[in-house]
N, C-alpha and C. Protein backbone atom coordinates (compact mmCIF):
# COMPACT_ATOMS: atom_id res chain seq x y z
N MET A 1 59.94 -29.08 23.88
CA MET A 1 58.54 -28.72 23.99
C MET A 1 57.73 -29.84 24.63
N ALA A 2 58.08 -31.07 24.34
CA ALA A 2 57.37 -32.20 24.94
C ALA A 2 57.53 -32.18 26.45
N THR A 3 58.69 -31.74 26.93
CA THR A 3 58.93 -31.68 28.36
C THR A 3 58.01 -30.65 29.02
N GLU A 4 57.81 -29.51 28.38
CA GLU A 4 56.95 -28.47 28.93
C GLU A 4 55.52 -28.99 29.08
N LYS A 5 55.05 -29.72 28.10
CA LYS A 5 53.69 -30.24 28.15
C LYS A 5 53.54 -31.24 29.28
N SER A 6 54.52 -32.11 29.45
CA SER A 6 54.44 -33.10 30.52
C SER A 6 54.55 -32.42 31.88
N ASP A 7 55.33 -31.32 31.96
CA ASP A 7 55.42 -30.57 33.22
C ASP A 7 54.07 -29.96 33.59
N VAL A 8 53.39 -29.43 32.60
CA VAL A 8 52.07 -28.83 32.83
C VAL A 8 51.09 -29.90 33.31
N LEU A 9 51.11 -31.06 32.67
CA LEU A 9 50.23 -32.15 33.07
C LEU A 9 50.55 -32.63 34.49
N ALA A 10 51.83 -32.70 34.82
CA ALA A 10 52.23 -33.13 36.16
C ALA A 10 51.76 -32.13 37.20
N ASP A 11 51.89 -30.82 36.89
CA ASP A 11 51.42 -29.79 37.81
C ASP A 11 49.91 -29.85 38.00
N ALA A 12 49.19 -30.15 36.93
CA ALA A 12 47.73 -30.23 37.01
C ALA A 12 47.30 -31.37 37.92
N LYS A 13 48.05 -32.46 37.90
CA LYS A 13 47.72 -33.61 38.75
C LYS A 13 48.00 -33.29 40.22
N LYS A 14 48.99 -32.47 40.48
CA LYS A 14 49.35 -32.12 41.85
C LYS A 14 48.39 -31.09 42.46
N THR A 15 47.81 -30.24 41.61
CA THR A 15 46.94 -29.18 42.10
C THR A 15 45.61 -29.78 42.54
N PRO A 16 45.25 -29.58 43.81
CA PRO A 16 43.97 -30.13 44.27
C PRO A 16 42.81 -29.39 43.62
N LYS A 17 41.78 -30.14 43.28
CA LYS A 17 40.60 -29.52 42.69
C LYS A 17 39.76 -28.92 43.81
N THR A 18 39.36 -27.70 43.64
CA THR A 18 38.50 -27.08 44.63
C THR A 18 37.06 -27.21 44.15
N THR A 19 36.21 -27.61 45.04
CA THR A 19 34.81 -27.76 44.69
C THR A 19 33.97 -26.85 45.58
N THR A 20 32.99 -26.27 44.99
CA THR A 20 32.08 -25.42 45.73
C THR A 20 30.99 -26.31 46.30
N PRO A 21 30.66 -26.13 47.58
CA PRO A 21 29.57 -26.93 48.14
C PRO A 21 28.28 -26.70 47.36
N HIS A 22 27.64 -27.79 46.98
CA HIS A 22 26.41 -27.70 46.20
C HIS A 22 25.53 -28.90 46.48
N VAL A 23 24.32 -28.84 46.02
CA VAL A 23 23.40 -29.98 46.05
C VAL A 23 22.75 -30.04 44.67
N GLU A 24 22.53 -31.23 44.18
CA GLU A 24 21.90 -31.37 42.87
C GLU A 24 20.40 -31.17 43.00
N LEU A 25 19.79 -30.64 41.95
CA LEU A 25 18.38 -30.29 41.97
C LEU A 25 17.50 -31.49 42.32
N ASN A 26 17.76 -32.63 41.71
CA ASN A 26 16.91 -33.80 42.00
C ASN A 26 17.01 -34.20 43.48
N THR A 27 18.18 -34.11 44.06
CA THR A 27 18.37 -34.42 45.48
C THR A 27 17.65 -33.38 46.34
N PHE A 28 17.76 -32.12 45.96
CA PHE A 28 17.09 -31.04 46.70
C PHE A 28 15.58 -31.26 46.73
N LEU A 29 15.00 -31.66 45.61
CA LEU A 29 13.56 -31.90 45.56
C LEU A 29 13.15 -33.01 46.52
N LYS A 30 13.98 -34.03 46.65
CA LYS A 30 13.68 -35.10 47.59
C LYS A 30 13.86 -34.64 49.04
N LEU A 31 14.90 -33.86 49.30
CA LEU A 31 15.14 -33.35 50.66
C LEU A 31 14.00 -32.44 51.13
N MET A 32 13.45 -31.66 50.21
CA MET A 32 12.37 -30.73 50.55
C MET A 32 10.99 -31.39 50.52
N LYS A 33 10.96 -32.70 50.26
CA LYS A 33 9.72 -33.48 50.18
C LYS A 33 8.80 -33.02 49.05
N ILE A 34 9.38 -32.40 48.02
CA ILE A 34 8.62 -32.03 46.83
C ILE A 34 8.41 -33.28 45.99
N ALA A 35 9.40 -34.16 45.98
CA ALA A 35 9.33 -35.43 45.27
C ALA A 35 9.68 -36.55 46.26
N ASN A 36 9.01 -37.69 46.10
CA ASN A 36 9.28 -38.83 46.98
C ASN A 36 10.41 -39.71 46.47
N THR A 37 10.59 -39.73 45.15
CA THR A 37 11.61 -40.59 44.56
C THR A 37 12.40 -39.81 43.52
N GLY A 38 13.51 -40.38 43.11
CA GLY A 38 14.30 -39.77 42.06
C GLY A 38 13.55 -39.72 40.75
N GLY A 39 12.76 -40.74 40.47
CA GLY A 39 11.97 -40.77 39.24
C GLY A 39 10.92 -39.67 39.23
N GLU A 40 10.30 -39.45 40.38
CA GLU A 40 9.31 -38.38 40.48
C GLU A 40 9.97 -37.01 40.32
N ALA A 41 11.15 -36.85 40.92
CA ALA A 41 11.90 -35.59 40.78
C ALA A 41 12.24 -35.34 39.31
N LYS A 42 12.70 -36.38 38.64
CA LYS A 42 13.05 -36.27 37.22
C LYS A 42 11.83 -35.86 36.39
N HIS A 43 10.69 -36.46 36.68
CA HIS A 43 9.47 -36.14 35.95
C HIS A 43 9.07 -34.68 36.17
N LEU A 44 9.12 -34.21 37.41
CA LEU A 44 8.77 -32.81 37.71
C LEU A 44 9.68 -31.85 36.96
N ILE A 45 10.97 -32.16 36.96
CA ILE A 45 11.95 -31.29 36.29
C ILE A 45 11.72 -31.29 34.78
N ARG A 46 11.60 -32.47 34.20
CA ARG A 46 11.45 -32.58 32.74
C ARG A 46 10.11 -32.01 32.25
N SER A 47 9.11 -31.97 33.12
CA SER A 47 7.81 -31.43 32.71
C SER A 47 7.74 -29.91 32.87
N ARG A 48 8.91 -29.30 33.16
CA ARG A 48 9.05 -27.85 33.22
C ARG A 48 8.24 -27.21 34.34
N ASN A 49 8.14 -27.91 35.47
CA ASN A 49 7.40 -27.40 36.63
C ASN A 49 8.30 -26.78 37.69
N ILE A 50 9.60 -26.87 37.51
CA ILE A 50 10.56 -26.40 38.52
C ILE A 50 11.29 -25.17 37.99
N TYR A 51 11.37 -24.17 38.84
CA TYR A 51 12.11 -22.95 38.49
C TYR A 51 13.29 -22.80 39.45
N VAL A 52 14.43 -22.37 38.93
CA VAL A 52 15.59 -22.03 39.75
C VAL A 52 15.90 -20.57 39.46
N ASN A 53 15.83 -19.76 40.51
CA ASN A 53 16.03 -18.31 40.37
C ASN A 53 15.13 -17.74 39.27
N GLU A 54 13.86 -18.15 39.29
CA GLU A 54 12.82 -17.65 38.39
C GLU A 54 12.99 -18.04 36.92
N VAL A 55 13.80 -19.06 36.65
CA VAL A 55 14.01 -19.55 35.28
C VAL A 55 13.67 -21.04 35.27
N ILE A 56 12.89 -21.48 34.28
CA ILE A 56 12.54 -22.90 34.19
C ILE A 56 13.82 -23.71 34.08
N GLU A 57 13.90 -24.78 34.86
CA GLU A 57 15.08 -25.65 34.85
C GLU A 57 14.69 -27.04 34.40
N THR A 58 15.42 -27.60 33.45
CA THR A 58 15.13 -28.94 32.94
C THR A 58 16.27 -29.93 33.15
N ARG A 59 17.32 -29.51 33.85
CA ARG A 59 18.46 -30.40 34.10
C ARG A 59 18.31 -31.05 35.48
N ASN A 60 18.25 -32.36 35.53
CA ASN A 60 18.10 -33.09 36.79
C ASN A 60 19.22 -32.80 37.77
N ARG A 61 20.43 -32.79 37.28
CA ARG A 61 21.59 -32.67 38.17
C ARG A 61 22.13 -31.25 38.24
N ARG A 62 21.28 -30.28 38.03
CA ARG A 62 21.66 -28.86 38.11
C ARG A 62 22.24 -28.60 39.49
N LYS A 63 23.43 -28.06 39.54
CA LYS A 63 24.08 -27.77 40.82
C LYS A 63 23.45 -26.53 41.44
N LEU A 64 22.95 -26.69 42.64
CA LEU A 64 22.37 -25.58 43.37
C LEU A 64 23.36 -25.11 44.43
N LEU A 65 23.53 -23.81 44.52
CA LEU A 65 24.43 -23.22 45.50
C LEU A 65 23.60 -22.48 46.55
N ALA A 66 24.18 -22.28 47.71
CA ALA A 66 23.50 -21.55 48.77
C ALA A 66 23.09 -20.18 48.25
N GLY A 67 21.87 -19.78 48.56
CA GLY A 67 21.37 -18.49 48.12
C GLY A 67 20.43 -18.57 46.93
N MET A 68 20.44 -19.69 46.23
CA MET A 68 19.53 -19.86 45.10
C MET A 68 18.12 -20.15 45.63
N ILE A 69 17.13 -19.90 44.79
CA ILE A 69 15.74 -20.14 45.15
C ILE A 69 15.13 -21.11 44.15
N VAL A 70 14.55 -22.19 44.66
CA VAL A 70 13.84 -23.15 43.82
C VAL A 70 12.34 -22.90 44.03
N MET A 71 11.58 -22.88 42.95
CA MET A 71 10.16 -22.62 43.06
C MET A 71 9.36 -23.75 42.41
N PHE A 72 8.31 -24.18 43.10
CA PHE A 72 7.42 -25.22 42.60
C PHE A 72 6.00 -24.85 43.00
N LYS A 73 5.11 -24.78 42.03
CA LYS A 73 3.71 -24.40 42.26
C LYS A 73 3.58 -23.11 43.05
N GLY A 74 4.41 -22.14 42.73
CA GLY A 74 4.34 -20.83 43.35
C GLY A 74 4.97 -20.73 44.73
N LYS A 75 5.43 -21.85 45.27
CA LYS A 75 6.05 -21.85 46.59
C LYS A 75 7.57 -21.82 46.44
N LYS A 76 8.23 -20.95 47.20
CA LYS A 76 9.68 -20.79 47.10
C LYS A 76 10.39 -21.61 48.17
N PHE A 77 11.47 -22.26 47.75
CA PHE A 77 12.30 -23.08 48.63
C PHE A 77 13.73 -22.57 48.53
N PRO A 78 14.22 -21.87 49.56
CA PRO A 78 15.59 -21.36 49.49
C PRO A 78 16.62 -22.47 49.69
N VAL A 79 17.71 -22.37 48.99
CA VAL A 79 18.83 -23.30 49.16
C VAL A 79 19.73 -22.66 50.22
N THR A 80 19.86 -23.32 51.34
CA THR A 80 20.62 -22.75 52.46
C THR A 80 21.98 -23.41 52.60
N GLU A 81 22.84 -22.77 53.36
CA GLU A 81 24.19 -23.31 53.64
C GLU A 81 24.09 -24.70 54.27
N LYS A 82 23.11 -24.88 55.13
CA LYS A 82 22.95 -26.16 55.83
C LYS A 82 22.69 -27.30 54.84
N ILE A 83 21.94 -27.01 53.78
CA ILE A 83 21.59 -28.04 52.80
C ILE A 83 22.77 -28.41 51.91
N VAL A 84 23.58 -27.44 51.53
CA VAL A 84 24.65 -27.71 50.57
C VAL A 84 25.89 -28.33 51.21
N ARG A 85 25.97 -28.42 52.48
CA ARG A 85 27.15 -29.00 53.14
C ARG A 85 27.20 -30.49 53.02
């Protein structure tokens, strides 16, 4: 049984991890010029002023995928393929 477990672990190490292209919310806010600094982005997020897909978001490093919509002060900012690459 110990051999089976080590085989599984060895296979897991060989399998490449696939990652979906994304951008973190705090980075997105800076790219869109909503925030000038990371600290300002963090403050906006924590003060519950940022919506992702019409839901209040409080996580700084929320992974945004292409097609999502970020909203701030009633203005919508789409997350595009170009941004997440």
